[in-house]
Amino acid sequence: MNINSYIDHTLLSASATERDIIDHCNQAKKHKFYSVCVNSCYVPLAKQLLKDSTIKICTVVGFPLGAASTEAKVFEAKQAINDGAHEIDMVINLGVFKSKNYVEVFKDIKDVKTAIGRTPLKVIIEISELSKNGIVKASEICMDAKVDFVKTSTGFTKSGATLTAVKIIRKTVRNKCKIKASGGIGDYETARKYIDIGVERIGTSKGVSISNGELSDADY
């Protein structure tokens, strides 16, 4: 298995510098990861750095809280694509979801998906903040909105991906959506376990360690 082709090589720290992004993109080229995932302000720089490669550029919208207005998420997503992003990872509005205003949650996601068209959309449902039933319901909303991926976590809450949650998502969405696991995946064996249960993408800042088959401390 070429595990590198599953990896969204992620650097979303608020303090990431231009030098950090340059190093990050160079790592992605060296290891032939699927994509880099960076904050939207760095999409133009990543585009310049990766122009002669096949590596995709992924960015985040409404990150990490998900509480921005739908209009802001739509604008952010469209601007990111104009700047060179190939994929969008948006955060579900957890407060609205926990208010059980599911129509509004659906509309928030659907409006972003409609605005970006065929550009792949991954929706982060933040599993650490949801019950099993919540994970099922959030996944169903994503499926109804015809998103491309359900993503487990931002990596900015108390915990990240779990095998149990991924199995719940897979059972819910079946083959209607793909799954991206992120948060706390820091070594080859852990990444492989997720892929073995049906995950199509791994979001991690430890891509190099995973690629090298190293054991490492969990990190986002």
N, C-alpha and C. Protein backbone atom coordinates (compact mmCIF):
# COMPACT_ATOMS: atom_id res chain seq x y z
N MET A 1 0.84 -1.21 0.00
CA MET A 1 0.00 0.00 0.00
C MET A 1 0.87 1.26 0.00
N ASN A 2 0.53 2.20 -0.87
CA ASN A 2 1.20 3.50 -0.86
C ASN A 2 0.43 4.43 0.06
N ILE A 3 0.77 4.39 1.34
CA ILE A 3 0.01 5.15 2.33
C ILE A 3 0.13 6.65 2.11
N ASN A 4 1.22 7.09 1.47
CA ASN A 4 1.40 8.53 1.23
C ASN A 4 0.28 9.13 0.40
N SER A 5 -0.31 8.33 -0.48
CA SER A 5 -1.35 8.84 -1.36
C SER A 5 -2.67 9.08 -0.62
N TYR A 6 -2.75 8.70 0.65
CA TYR A 6 -3.93 8.94 1.46
C TYR A 6 -3.80 10.20 2.31
N ILE A 7 -2.62 10.79 2.36
CA ILE A 7 -2.33 11.80 3.37
C ILE A 7 -2.55 13.24 2.89
N ASP A 8 -3.38 13.96 3.66
CA ASP A 8 -3.46 15.42 3.55
C ASP A 8 -2.45 15.96 4.57
N HIS A 9 -1.30 16.39 4.09
CA HIS A 9 -0.19 16.84 4.94
C HIS A 9 -0.56 18.21 5.51
N THR A 10 -0.81 18.25 6.82
CA THR A 10 -1.55 19.35 7.42
C THR A 10 -0.70 20.27 8.29
N LEU A 11 -0.86 21.58 8.05
CA LEU A 11 -0.23 22.58 8.90
C LEU A 11 -1.21 23.73 9.08
N LEU A 12 -1.94 23.71 10.20
CA LEU A 12 -2.99 24.69 10.44
C LEU A 12 -2.75 25.53 11.70
N SER A 13 -1.54 25.48 12.22
CA SER A 13 -1.20 26.28 13.39
C SER A 13 -1.37 27.77 13.10
N ALA A 14 -1.91 28.47 14.07
CA ALA A 14 -2.09 29.92 13.90
C ALA A 14 -0.76 30.64 13.77
N SER A 15 0.32 30.04 14.28
CA SER A 15 1.63 30.70 14.26
C SER A 15 2.53 30.20 13.13
N ALA A 16 1.98 29.42 12.21
CA ALA A 16 2.78 28.92 11.08
C ALA A 16 3.28 30.10 10.24
N THR A 17 4.58 30.13 9.97
CA THR A 17 5.19 31.21 9.20
C THR A 17 5.31 30.83 7.73
N GLU A 18 5.67 31.79 6.91
CA GLU A 18 5.91 31.49 5.50
C GLU A 18 7.00 30.44 5.35
N ARG A 19 8.04 30.54 6.17
CA ARG A 19 9.12 29.55 6.13
C ARG A 19 8.59 28.16 6.46
N ASP A 20 7.68 28.08 7.43
CA ASP A 20 7.07 26.80 7.79
C ASP A 20 6.30 26.22 6.61
N ILE A 21 5.57 27.07 5.91
CA ILE A 21 4.78 26.61 4.76
C ILE A 21 5.70 26.12 3.63
N ILE A 22 6.78 26.84 3.41
CA ILE A 22 7.75 26.41 2.38
C ILE A 22 8.30 25.03 2.72
N ASP A 23 8.70 24.85 3.97
CA ASP A 23 9.23 23.55 4.39
C ASP A 23 8.16 22.46 4.27
N HIS A 24 6.95 22.81 4.62
CA HIS A 24 5.84 21.87 4.59
C HIS A 24 5.56 21.40 3.16
N CYS A 25 5.52 22.33 2.24
CA CYS A 25 5.28 21.97 0.84
C CYS A 25 6.43 21.16 0.27
N ASN A 26 7.64 21.48 0.66
CA ASN A 26 8.80 20.70 0.21
C ASN A 26 8.73 19.27 0.73
N GLN A 27 8.27 19.10 1.96
CA GLN A 27 8.07 17.74 2.50
C GLN A 27 7.02 16.99 1.68
N ALA A 28 5.95 17.69 1.33
CA ALA A 28 4.89 17.04 0.55
C ALA A 28 5.40 16.57 -0.81
N LYS A 29 6.23 17.40 -1.43
CA LYS A 29 6.80 17.01 -2.72
C LYS A 29 7.74 15.83 -2.58
N LYS A 30 8.56 15.85 -1.55
CA LYS A 30 9.53 14.78 -1.33
C LYS A 30 8.83 13.44 -1.11
N HIS A 31 7.74 13.47 -0.33
CA HIS A 31 7.07 12.22 0.05
C HIS A 31 5.85 11.91 -0.83
N LYS A 32 5.54 12.80 -1.75
CA LYS A 32 4.44 12.58 -2.69
C LYS A 32 3.11 12.33 -1.97
N PHE A 33 2.80 13.22 -1.01
CA PHE A 33 1.52 13.14 -0.33
C PHE A 33 0.40 13.54 -1.28
N TYR A 34 -0.83 13.19 -0.92
CA TYR A 34 -1.95 13.55 -1.78
C TYR A 34 -2.11 15.07 -1.86
N SER A 35 -2.04 15.71 -0.68
CA SER A 35 -2.25 17.16 -0.67
C SER A 35 -1.52 17.78 0.51
N VAL A 36 -1.45 19.10 0.48
CA VAL A 36 -1.15 19.87 1.68
C VAL A 36 -2.44 20.53 2.13
N CYS A 37 -2.62 20.64 3.44
CA CYS A 37 -3.78 21.34 3.98
C CYS A 37 -3.27 22.51 4.81
N VAL A 38 -3.56 23.72 4.35
CA VAL A 38 -3.04 24.94 4.98
C VAL A 38 -4.18 25.94 5.17
N ASN A 39 -3.95 26.90 6.05
CA ASN A 39 -4.93 27.98 6.20
C ASN A 39 -5.01 28.79 4.91
N SER A 40 -6.18 29.40 4.68
CA SER A 40 -6.46 29.98 3.37
C SER A 40 -5.53 31.13 2.99
N CYS A 41 -4.96 31.83 3.98
CA CYS A 41 -4.05 32.92 3.65
C CYS A 41 -2.79 32.41 2.95
N TYR A 42 -2.49 31.13 3.11
CA TYR A 42 -1.28 30.55 2.52
C TYR A 42 -1.55 29.77 1.24
N VAL A 43 -2.79 29.76 0.78
CA VAL A 43 -3.09 29.06 -0.47
C VAL A 43 -2.29 29.61 -1.66
N PRO A 44 -2.20 30.94 -1.85
CA PRO A 44 -1.41 31.44 -2.98
C PRO A 44 0.06 31.02 -2.91
N LEU A 45 0.64 31.02 -1.72
CA LEU A 45 2.03 30.59 -1.57
C LEU A 45 2.17 29.11 -1.89
N ALA A 46 1.25 28.30 -1.39
CA ALA A 46 1.29 26.87 -1.68
C ALA A 46 1.14 26.61 -3.18
N LYS A 47 0.29 27.38 -3.83
CA LYS A 47 0.11 27.23 -5.28
C LYS A 47 1.42 27.50 -6.00
N GLN A 48 2.12 28.53 -5.59
CA GLN A 48 3.40 28.86 -6.21
C GLN A 48 4.43 27.75 -5.96
N LEU A 49 4.45 27.23 -4.75
CA LEU A 49 5.45 26.23 -4.38
C LEU A 49 5.19 24.87 -5.03
N LEU A 50 3.92 24.58 -5.31
CA LEU A 50 3.55 23.25 -5.81
C LEU A 50 3.17 23.24 -7.28
N LYS A 51 3.45 24.33 -7.98
CA LYS A 51 2.96 24.47 -9.36
C LYS A 51 3.50 23.40 -10.30
N ASP A 52 4.66 22.86 -10.03
CA ASP A 52 5.23 21.85 -10.91
C ASP A 52 5.05 20.44 -10.37
N SER A 53 4.07 20.27 -9.47
CA SER A 53 3.82 18.95 -8.88
C SER A 53 2.35 18.57 -9.09
N THR A 54 2.02 17.34 -8.73
CA THR A 54 0.63 16.86 -8.80
C THR A 54 -0.08 16.97 -7.45
N ILE A 55 0.59 17.55 -6.47
CA ILE A 55 0.03 17.62 -5.12
C ILE A 55 -1.08 18.66 -5.07
N LYS A 56 -2.22 18.26 -4.49
CA LYS A 56 -3.37 19.14 -4.37
C LYS A 56 -3.20 20.11 -3.19
N ILE A 57 -3.95 21.19 -3.24
CA ILE A 57 -3.97 22.16 -2.15
C ILE A 57 -5.36 22.13 -1.52
N CYS A 58 -5.37 21.83 -0.23
CA CYS A 58 -6.60 21.80 0.55
C CYS A 58 -6.56 22.96 1.55
N THR A 59 -7.70 23.55 1.80
CA THR A 59 -7.75 24.61 2.82
C THR A 59 -9.02 24.48 3.64
N VAL A 60 -9.08 25.25 4.73
CA VAL A 60 -10.19 25.13 5.67
C VAL A 60 -11.07 26.38 5.65
N VAL A 61 -12.34 26.16 5.95
CA VAL A 61 -13.35 27.22 5.92
C VAL A 61 -14.14 27.19 7.22
N GLY A 62 -14.36 28.36 7.82
CA GLY A 62 -15.07 28.42 9.09
C GLY A 62 -14.32 27.67 10.18
N PHE A 63 -13.02 27.72 10.11
CA PHE A 63 -12.16 26.88 10.95
C PHE A 63 -11.60 27.69 12.12
N PRO A 64 -11.49 27.12 13.31
CA PRO A 64 -11.86 25.75 13.69
C PRO A 64 -13.23 25.64 14.37
N LEU A 65 -13.96 26.76 14.52
CA LEU A 65 -15.19 26.73 15.33
C LEU A 65 -16.44 26.37 14.54
N GLY A 66 -16.47 26.70 13.26
CA GLY A 66 -17.67 26.43 12.47
C GLY A 66 -18.78 27.42 12.67
N ALA A 67 -18.54 28.45 13.49
CA ALA A 67 -19.61 29.35 13.91
C ALA A 67 -19.74 30.62 13.06
N ALA A 68 -18.97 30.72 11.98
CA ALA A 68 -19.11 31.86 11.08
C ALA A 68 -20.45 31.77 10.34
N SER A 69 -20.89 32.89 9.80
CA SER A 69 -22.13 32.88 9.01
C SER A 69 -21.94 32.05 7.74
N THR A 70 -23.03 31.56 7.22
CA THR A 70 -22.97 30.81 5.96
C THR A 70 -22.38 31.67 4.86
N GLU A 71 -22.77 32.94 4.83
CA GLU A 71 -22.26 33.83 3.78
C GLU A 71 -20.74 33.97 3.87
N ALA A 72 -20.22 34.04 5.08
CA ALA A 72 -18.78 34.13 5.26
C ALA A 72 -18.08 32.86 4.79
N LYS A 73 -18.66 31.71 5.11
CA LYS A 73 -18.09 30.43 4.67
C LYS A 73 -18.09 30.33 3.15
N VAL A 74 -19.18 30.74 2.53
CA VAL A 74 -19.27 30.71 1.07
C VAL A 74 -18.21 31.60 0.44
N PHE A 75 -18.08 32.82 0.96
CA PHE A 75 -17.08 33.74 0.41
C PHE A 75 -15.68 33.18 0.59
N GLU A 76 -15.39 32.66 1.79
CA GLU A 76 -14.06 32.13 2.09
C GLU A 76 -13.72 30.96 1.16
N ALA A 77 -14.70 30.10 0.93
CA ALA A 77 -14.48 28.95 0.06
C ALA A 77 -14.22 29.38 -1.38
N LYS A 78 -15.04 30.28 -1.87
CA LYS A 78 -14.88 30.73 -3.27
C LYS A 78 -13.56 31.47 -3.46
N GLN A 79 -13.19 32.30 -2.49
CA GLN A 79 -11.92 33.02 -2.58
C GLN A 79 -10.76 32.05 -2.57
N ALA A 80 -10.83 31.03 -1.73
CA ALA A 80 -9.75 30.04 -1.65
C ALA A 80 -9.57 29.32 -2.99
N ILE A 81 -10.68 29.00 -3.62
CA ILE A 81 -10.60 28.32 -4.93
C ILE A 81 -10.00 29.27 -5.96
N ASN A 82 -10.40 30.52 -5.93
CA ASN A 82 -9.81 31.51 -6.85
C ASN A 82 -8.31 31.64 -6.63
N ASP A 83 -7.88 31.46 -5.38
CA ASP A 83 -6.45 31.58 -5.05
C ASP A 83 -5.65 30.32 -5.39
N GLY A 84 -6.37 29.21 -5.67
CA GLY A 84 -5.67 28.01 -6.08
C GLY A 84 -5.99 26.74 -5.30
N ALA A 85 -6.93 26.79 -4.37
CA ALA A 85 -7.29 25.59 -3.60
C ALA A 85 -8.04 24.60 -4.48
N HIS A 86 -7.74 23.32 -4.27
CA HIS A 86 -8.42 22.24 -5.00
C HIS A 86 -9.49 21.56 -4.18
N GLU A 87 -9.42 21.68 -2.85
CA GLU A 87 -10.37 21.03 -1.95
C GLU A 87 -10.67 21.95 -0.77
N ILE A 88 -11.89 21.84 -0.26
CA ILE A 88 -12.33 22.67 0.87
C ILE A 88 -12.77 21.78 2.03
N ASP A 89 -12.21 22.06 3.23
CA ASP A 89 -12.65 21.40 4.46
C ASP A 89 -13.38 22.43 5.30
N MET A 90 -14.69 22.29 5.46
CA MET A 90 -15.46 23.25 6.26
C MET A 90 -15.92 22.60 7.56
N VAL A 91 -16.14 23.44 8.56
CA VAL A 91 -16.57 22.95 9.88
C VAL A 91 -18.07 23.14 10.02
N ILE A 92 -18.73 22.07 10.49
CA ILE A 92 -20.16 22.14 10.76
C ILE A 92 -20.41 23.17 11.87
N ASN A 93 -21.59 23.78 11.84
CA ASN A 93 -21.95 24.72 12.92
C ASN A 93 -22.49 23.91 14.10
N LEU A 94 -21.61 23.62 15.05
CA LEU A 94 -21.96 22.74 16.16
C LEU A 94 -23.06 23.30 17.05
N GLY A 95 -23.01 24.61 17.30
CA GLY A 95 -24.03 25.20 18.16
C GLY A 95 -25.42 25.08 17.57
N VAL A 96 -25.52 25.33 16.28
CA VAL A 96 -26.81 25.20 15.59
C VAL A 96 -27.23 23.74 15.55
N PHE A 97 -26.25 22.86 15.34
CA PHE A 97 -26.55 21.42 15.33
C PHE A 97 -27.08 20.96 16.69
N LYS A 98 -26.41 21.39 17.76
CA LYS A 98 -26.84 20.99 19.10
C LYS A 98 -28.16 21.65 19.49
N SER A 99 -28.53 22.71 18.80
CA SER A 99 -29.85 23.31 18.99
C SER A 99 -30.94 22.53 18.24
N LYS A 100 -30.50 21.50 17.53
CA LYS A 100 -31.38 20.63 16.72
C LYS A 100 -32.06 21.38 15.58
N ASN A 101 -31.39 22.45 15.15
CA ASN A 101 -31.89 23.18 13.98
C ASN A 101 -31.22 22.56 12.74
N TYR A 102 -31.66 21.36 12.44
CA TYR A 102 -30.98 20.57 11.41
C TYR A 102 -31.16 21.13 10.00
N VAL A 103 -32.27 21.81 9.77
CA VAL A 103 -32.49 22.43 8.45
C VAL A 103 -31.44 23.51 8.21
N GLU A 104 -31.16 24.30 9.24
CA GLU A 104 -30.15 25.36 9.11
C GLU A 104 -28.76 24.77 8.91
N VAL A 105 -28.46 23.68 9.60
CA VAL A 105 -27.17 23.02 9.42
C VAL A 105 -27.03 22.51 7.99
N PHE A 106 -28.08 21.88 7.50
CA PHE A 106 -28.09 21.39 6.12
C PHE A 106 -27.86 22.54 5.14
N LYS A 107 -28.59 23.65 5.35
CA LYS A 107 -28.48 24.79 4.45
C LYS A 107 -27.07 25.37 4.45
N ASP A 108 -26.47 25.45 5.62
CA ASP A 108 -25.10 25.96 5.76
C ASP A 108 -24.14 25.16 4.88
N ILE A 109 -24.25 23.85 4.98
CA ILE A 109 -23.37 22.97 4.21
C ILE A 109 -23.72 23.02 2.73
N LYS A 110 -25.00 22.94 2.43
CA LYS A 110 -25.45 22.88 1.04
C LYS A 110 -25.09 24.15 0.29
N ASP A 111 -25.19 25.30 0.94
CA ASP A 111 -24.86 26.55 0.27
C ASP A 111 -23.38 26.61 -0.11
N VAL A 112 -22.52 26.09 0.76
CA VAL A 112 -21.09 26.05 0.42
C VAL A 112 -20.86 25.09 -0.73
N LYS A 113 -21.48 23.92 -0.67
CA LYS A 113 -21.31 22.93 -1.74
C LYS A 113 -21.81 23.47 -3.08
N THR A 114 -22.94 24.13 -3.06
CA THR A 114 -23.48 24.70 -4.29
C THR A 114 -22.54 25.77 -4.85
N ALA A 115 -21.97 26.57 -3.96
CA ALA A 115 -21.09 27.67 -4.39
C ALA A 115 -19.81 27.16 -5.03
N ILE A 116 -19.31 26.01 -4.57
CA ILE A 116 -18.02 25.54 -5.09
C ILE A 116 -18.15 24.45 -6.14
N GLY A 117 -19.37 24.02 -6.41
CA GLY A 117 -19.59 23.10 -7.52
C GLY A 117 -18.86 21.77 -7.38
N ARG A 118 -18.04 21.46 -8.36
CA ARG A 118 -17.37 20.16 -8.38
C ARG A 118 -16.14 20.08 -7.49
N THR A 119 -15.75 21.19 -6.92
CA THR A 119 -14.62 21.16 -5.99
C THR A 119 -14.97 20.28 -4.79
N PRO A 120 -14.15 19.30 -4.45
CA PRO A 120 -14.47 18.41 -3.32
C PRO A 120 -14.67 19.19 -2.01
N LEU A 121 -15.73 18.83 -1.30
CA LEU A 121 -16.04 19.44 -0.01
C LEU A 121 -16.00 18.37 1.07
N LYS A 122 -15.19 18.62 2.10
CA LYS A 122 -15.14 17.76 3.28
C LYS A 122 -15.77 18.53 4.43
N VAL A 123 -16.66 17.91 5.15
CA VAL A 123 -17.33 18.58 6.27
C VAL A 123 -16.87 17.95 7.58
N ILE A 124 -16.30 18.79 8.44
CA ILE A 124 -15.78 18.35 9.74
C ILE A 124 -16.93 18.36 10.75
N ILE A 125 -17.27 17.19 11.28
CA ILE A 125 -18.41 17.11 12.20
C ILE A 125 -18.00 17.16 13.66
N GLU A 126 -16.72 17.13 13.95
CA GLU A 126 -16.16 17.27 15.31
C GLU A 126 -16.73 16.21 16.25
N ILE A 127 -16.29 14.98 16.03
CA ILE A 127 -16.88 13.83 16.73
C ILE A 127 -16.71 13.88 18.24
N SER A 128 -15.66 14.56 18.73
CA SER A 128 -15.44 14.60 20.18
C SER A 128 -16.56 15.34 20.90
N GLU A 129 -17.32 16.15 20.16
CA GLU A 129 -18.40 16.93 20.76
C GLU A 129 -19.77 16.30 20.55
N LEU A 130 -19.81 15.10 19.97
CA LEU A 130 -21.09 14.48 19.61
C LEU A 130 -21.25 13.11 20.27
N SER A 131 -22.50 12.76 20.55
CA SER A 131 -22.84 11.40 20.97
C SER A 131 -22.86 10.50 19.73
N LYS A 132 -23.03 9.20 19.96
CA LYS A 132 -23.15 8.27 18.83
C LYS A 132 -24.30 8.70 17.93
N ASN A 133 -25.45 9.02 18.52
CA ASN A 133 -26.60 9.46 17.72
C ASN A 133 -26.30 10.76 16.99
N GLY A 134 -25.52 11.63 17.65
CA GLY A 134 -25.14 12.88 17.01
C GLY A 134 -24.25 12.66 15.80
N ILE A 135 -23.33 11.71 15.93
CA ILE A 135 -22.46 11.38 14.79
C ILE A 135 -23.29 10.85 13.63
N VAL A 136 -24.26 10.00 13.94
CA VAL A 136 -25.14 9.47 12.89
C VAL A 136 -25.91 10.60 12.22
N LYS A 137 -26.52 11.47 13.02
CA LYS A 137 -27.35 12.56 12.46
C LYS A 137 -26.51 13.52 11.64
N ALA A 138 -25.33 13.91 12.15
CA ALA A 138 -24.47 14.83 11.39
C ALA A 138 -24.03 14.18 10.07
N SER A 139 -23.74 12.90 10.11
CA SER A 139 -23.33 12.21 8.88
C SER A 139 -24.48 12.15 7.88
N GLU A 140 -25.69 11.94 8.39
CA GLU A 140 -26.86 11.91 7.50
C GLU A 140 -27.08 13.26 6.82
N ILE A 141 -26.90 14.34 7.60
CA ILE A 141 -27.05 15.68 7.02
C ILE A 141 -26.01 15.90 5.92
N CYS A 142 -24.78 15.50 6.21
CA CYS A 142 -23.71 15.63 5.19
C CYS A 142 -24.05 14.85 3.94
N MET A 143 -24.55 13.65 4.13
CA MET A 143 -24.91 12.80 2.99
C MET A 143 -26.03 13.45 2.18
N ASP A 144 -27.04 13.98 2.88
CA ASP A 144 -28.15 14.64 2.19
C ASP A 144 -27.69 15.88 1.41
N ALA A 145 -26.66 16.56 1.94
CA ALA A 145 -26.13 17.74 1.27
C ALA A 145 -25.16 17.39 0.14
N LYS A 146 -24.93 16.09 -0.04
CA LYS A 146 -24.09 15.58 -1.13
C LYS A 146 -22.64 16.08 -1.04
N VAL A 147 -22.13 16.08 0.19
CA VAL A 147 -20.72 16.42 0.35
C VAL A 147 -19.87 15.25 -0.14
N ASP A 148 -18.60 15.51 -0.34
CA ASP A 148 -17.71 14.47 -0.85
C ASP A 148 -17.10 13.63 0.25
N PHE A 149 -16.82 14.26 1.41
CA PHE A 149 -16.23 13.55 2.54
C PHE A 149 -16.91 14.00 3.83
N VAL A 150 -17.07 13.08 4.76
CA VAL A 150 -17.31 13.42 6.16
C VAL A 150 -15.97 13.32 6.86
N LYS A 151 -15.59 14.37 7.56
CA LYS A 151 -14.29 14.42 8.24
C LYS A 151 -14.52 14.40 9.75
N THR A 152 -13.69 13.68 10.47
CA THR A 152 -13.95 13.46 11.89
C THR A 152 -13.75 14.68 12.77
N SER A 153 -12.65 15.42 12.57
CA SER A 153 -12.22 16.35 13.61
C SER A 153 -11.40 17.50 13.05
N THR A 154 -11.39 18.60 13.81
CA THR A 154 -10.49 19.71 13.47
C THR A 154 -9.09 19.48 14.03
N GLY A 155 -9.02 18.71 15.13
CA GLY A 155 -7.76 18.59 15.87
C GLY A 155 -7.58 19.70 16.89
N PHE A 156 -8.60 20.54 17.06
CA PHE A 156 -8.51 21.67 17.99
C PHE A 156 -9.41 21.49 19.21
N THR A 157 -9.96 20.28 19.39
CA THR A 157 -10.78 20.02 20.57
C THR A 157 -10.10 18.96 21.42
N LYS A 158 -10.82 18.40 22.38
CA LYS A 158 -10.20 17.53 23.38
C LYS A 158 -9.67 16.22 22.82
N SER A 159 -10.20 15.78 21.69
CA SER A 159 -9.68 14.55 21.08
C SER A 159 -9.98 14.56 19.58
N GLY A 160 -9.32 13.66 18.88
CA GLY A 160 -9.46 13.60 17.43
C GLY A 160 -10.22 12.37 16.98
N ALA A 161 -9.75 11.78 15.90
CA ALA A 161 -10.41 10.63 15.30
C ALA A 161 -10.41 9.43 16.24
N THR A 162 -11.44 8.60 16.12
CA THR A 162 -11.47 7.30 16.79
C THR A 162 -11.96 6.27 15.78
N LEU A 163 -11.49 5.05 15.94
CA LEU A 163 -11.93 3.97 15.05
C LEU A 163 -13.42 3.72 15.21
N THR A 164 -13.91 3.84 16.43
CA THR A 164 -15.34 3.62 16.69
C THR A 164 -16.20 4.62 15.93
N ALA A 165 -15.82 5.89 15.99
CA ALA A 165 -16.60 6.92 15.29
C ALA A 165 -16.56 6.72 13.78
N VAL A 166 -15.40 6.35 13.26
CA VAL A 166 -15.28 6.12 11.82
C VAL A 166 -16.19 4.97 11.39
N LYS A 167 -16.26 3.93 12.20
CA LYS A 167 -17.14 2.80 11.87
C LYS A 167 -18.60 3.24 11.86
N ILE A 168 -18.97 4.13 12.79
CA ILE A 168 -20.34 4.66 12.82
C ILE A 168 -20.63 5.47 11.56
N ILE A 169 -19.67 6.33 11.20
CA ILE A 169 -19.84 7.15 9.99
C ILE A 169 -19.96 6.26 8.76
N ARG A 170 -19.10 5.26 8.65
CA ARG A 170 -19.12 4.37 7.49
C ARG A 170 -20.45 3.63 7.38
N LYS A 171 -20.95 3.14 8.51
CA LYS A 171 -22.23 2.43 8.50
C LYS A 171 -23.36 3.36 8.08
N THR A 172 -23.24 4.63 8.45
CA THR A 172 -24.30 5.61 8.15
C THR A 172 -24.28 6.04 6.68
N VAL A 173 -23.12 6.41 6.19
CA VAL A 173 -23.04 6.98 4.83
C VAL A 173 -22.85 5.91 3.76
N ARG A 174 -22.47 4.71 4.19
CA ARG A 174 -22.21 3.60 3.26
C ARG A 174 -21.24 4.08 2.17
N ASN A 175 -21.69 4.03 0.93
CA ASN A 175 -20.81 4.48 -0.16
C ASN A 175 -21.24 5.83 -0.73
N LYS A 176 -22.06 6.56 0.03
CA LYS A 176 -22.57 7.85 -0.47
C LYS A 176 -21.56 8.98 -0.27
N CYS A 177 -20.70 8.85 0.75
CA CYS A 177 -19.64 9.83 1.02
C CYS A 177 -18.37 9.07 1.36
N LYS A 178 -17.24 9.73 1.13
CA LYS A 178 -15.97 9.21 1.60
C LYS A 178 -15.73 9.71 3.03
N ILE A 179 -14.69 9.19 3.66
CA ILE A 179 -14.39 9.57 5.04
C ILE A 179 -12.94 10.04 5.14
N LYS A 180 -12.75 11.15 5.86
CA LYS A 180 -11.42 11.63 6.19
C LYS A 180 -11.27 11.57 7.71
N ALA A 181 -10.26 10.85 8.17
CA ALA A 181 -9.96 10.78 9.60
C ALA A 181 -8.84 11.75 9.90
N SER A 182 -9.01 12.54 10.96
CA SER A 182 -7.97 13.52 11.32
C SER A 182 -7.99 13.73 12.83
N GLY A 183 -6.84 14.13 13.34
CA GLY A 183 -6.70 14.38 14.77
C GLY A 183 -6.13 13.19 15.50
N GLY A 184 -4.89 13.29 15.90
CA GLY A 184 -4.28 12.25 16.71
C GLY A 184 -3.69 11.08 15.96
N ILE A 185 -3.62 11.17 14.64
CA ILE A 185 -3.06 10.07 13.85
C ILE A 185 -1.60 10.40 13.57
N GLY A 186 -0.69 9.72 14.28
CA GLY A 186 0.71 10.13 14.22
C GLY A 186 1.71 9.07 13.85
N ASP A 187 1.24 7.85 13.53
CA ASP A 187 2.20 6.80 13.16
C ASP A 187 1.59 5.89 12.09
N TYR A 188 2.44 5.11 11.46
CA TYR A 188 2.03 4.28 10.32
C TYR A 188 0.95 3.28 10.72
N GLU A 189 1.13 2.58 11.83
CA GLU A 189 0.19 1.53 12.21
C GLU A 189 -1.20 2.09 12.47
N THR A 190 -1.26 3.25 13.13
CA THR A 190 -2.56 3.86 13.38
C THR A 190 -3.23 4.28 12.08
N ALA A 191 -2.47 4.92 11.20
CA ALA A 191 -3.02 5.32 9.90
C ALA A 191 -3.53 4.11 9.13
N ARG A 192 -2.77 3.04 9.15
CA ARG A 192 -3.16 1.83 8.42
C ARG A 192 -4.48 1.26 8.96
N LYS A 193 -4.67 1.31 10.27
CA LYS A 193 -5.92 0.81 10.86
C LYS A 193 -7.13 1.57 10.31
N TYR A 194 -6.97 2.88 10.18
CA TYR A 194 -8.08 3.68 9.63
C TYR A 194 -8.35 3.34 8.17
N ILE A 195 -7.31 3.20 7.42
CA ILE A 195 -7.48 2.85 6.00
C ILE A 195 -8.13 1.48 5.86
N ASP A 196 -7.75 0.56 6.72
CA ASP A 196 -8.29 -0.80 6.66
C ASP A 196 -9.79 -0.85 6.93
N ILE A 197 -10.34 0.15 7.66
CA ILE A 197 -11.79 0.15 7.91
C ILE A 197 -12.54 1.10 6.97
N GLY A 198 -11.84 1.59 5.96
CA GLY A 198 -12.55 2.31 4.90
C GLY A 198 -12.31 3.79 4.76
N VAL A 199 -11.35 4.33 5.50
CA VAL A 199 -11.03 5.75 5.38
C VAL A 199 -10.28 6.01 4.07
N GLU A 200 -10.71 7.03 3.34
CA GLU A 200 -10.06 7.34 2.07
C GLU A 200 -9.02 8.45 2.17
N ARG A 201 -9.01 9.18 3.29
CA ARG A 201 -8.02 10.24 3.45
C ARG A 201 -7.66 10.37 4.94
N ILE A 202 -6.38 10.67 5.18
CA ILE A 202 -5.86 10.87 6.52
C ILE A 202 -5.35 12.30 6.63
N GLY A 203 -5.88 13.06 7.59
CA GLY A 203 -5.37 14.40 7.84
C GLY A 203 -4.43 14.37 9.02
N THR A 204 -3.19 14.76 8.80
CA THR A 204 -2.20 14.68 9.87
C THR A 204 -1.04 15.63 9.63
N SER A 205 -0.48 16.12 10.73
CA SER A 205 0.75 16.90 10.65
C SER A 205 1.98 16.00 10.75
N LYS A 206 1.74 14.70 10.94
CA LYS A 206 2.83 13.73 11.10
C LYS A 206 3.01 12.88 9.84
N GLY A 207 2.73 13.46 8.70
CA GLY A 207 2.84 12.71 7.46
C GLY A 207 4.21 12.10 7.22
N VAL A 208 5.24 12.85 7.57
CA VAL A 208 6.60 12.36 7.35
C VAL A 208 6.87 11.14 8.23
N SER A 209 6.46 11.21 9.49
CA SER A 209 6.63 10.07 10.39
C SER A 209 5.86 8.85 9.89
N ILE A 210 4.63 9.07 9.43
CA ILE A 210 3.83 7.97 8.91
C ILE A 210 4.49 7.37 7.67
N SER A 211 4.94 8.24 6.79
CA SER A 211 5.60 7.79 5.56
C SER A 211 6.85 6.96 5.85
N ASN A 212 7.55 7.35 6.90
CA ASN A 212 8.79 6.65 7.27
C ASN A 212 8.52 5.42 8.12
N GLY A 213 7.26 5.15 8.42
CA GLY A 213 6.93 3.99 9.24
C GLY A 213 7.31 4.14 10.69
N GLU A 214 7.46 5.38 11.15
CA GLU A 214 7.92 5.62 12.51
C GLU A 214 6.76 5.57 13.50
N LEU A 215 7.10 5.27 14.74
CA LEU A 215 6.16 5.45 15.84
C LEU A 215 6.35 6.85 16.37
N SER A 216 5.26 7.55 16.68
CA SER A 216 5.39 8.92 17.19
C SER A 216 4.27 9.22 18.14
N ASP A 217 4.44 10.26 18.93
CA ASP A 217 3.38 10.68 19.82
C ASP A 217 2.22 11.22 19.00
N ALA A 218 1.02 10.98 19.50
CA ALA A 218 -0.15 11.50 18.80
C ALA A 218 -0.08 13.01 18.68
N ASP A 219 -0.46 13.49 17.51
CA ASP A 219 -0.40 14.93 17.27
C ASP A 219 -1.40 15.27 16.19
N TYR A 220 -1.81 16.54 16.16
CA TYR A 220 -2.81 16.94 15.19
C TYR A 220 -2.17 17.66 14.03
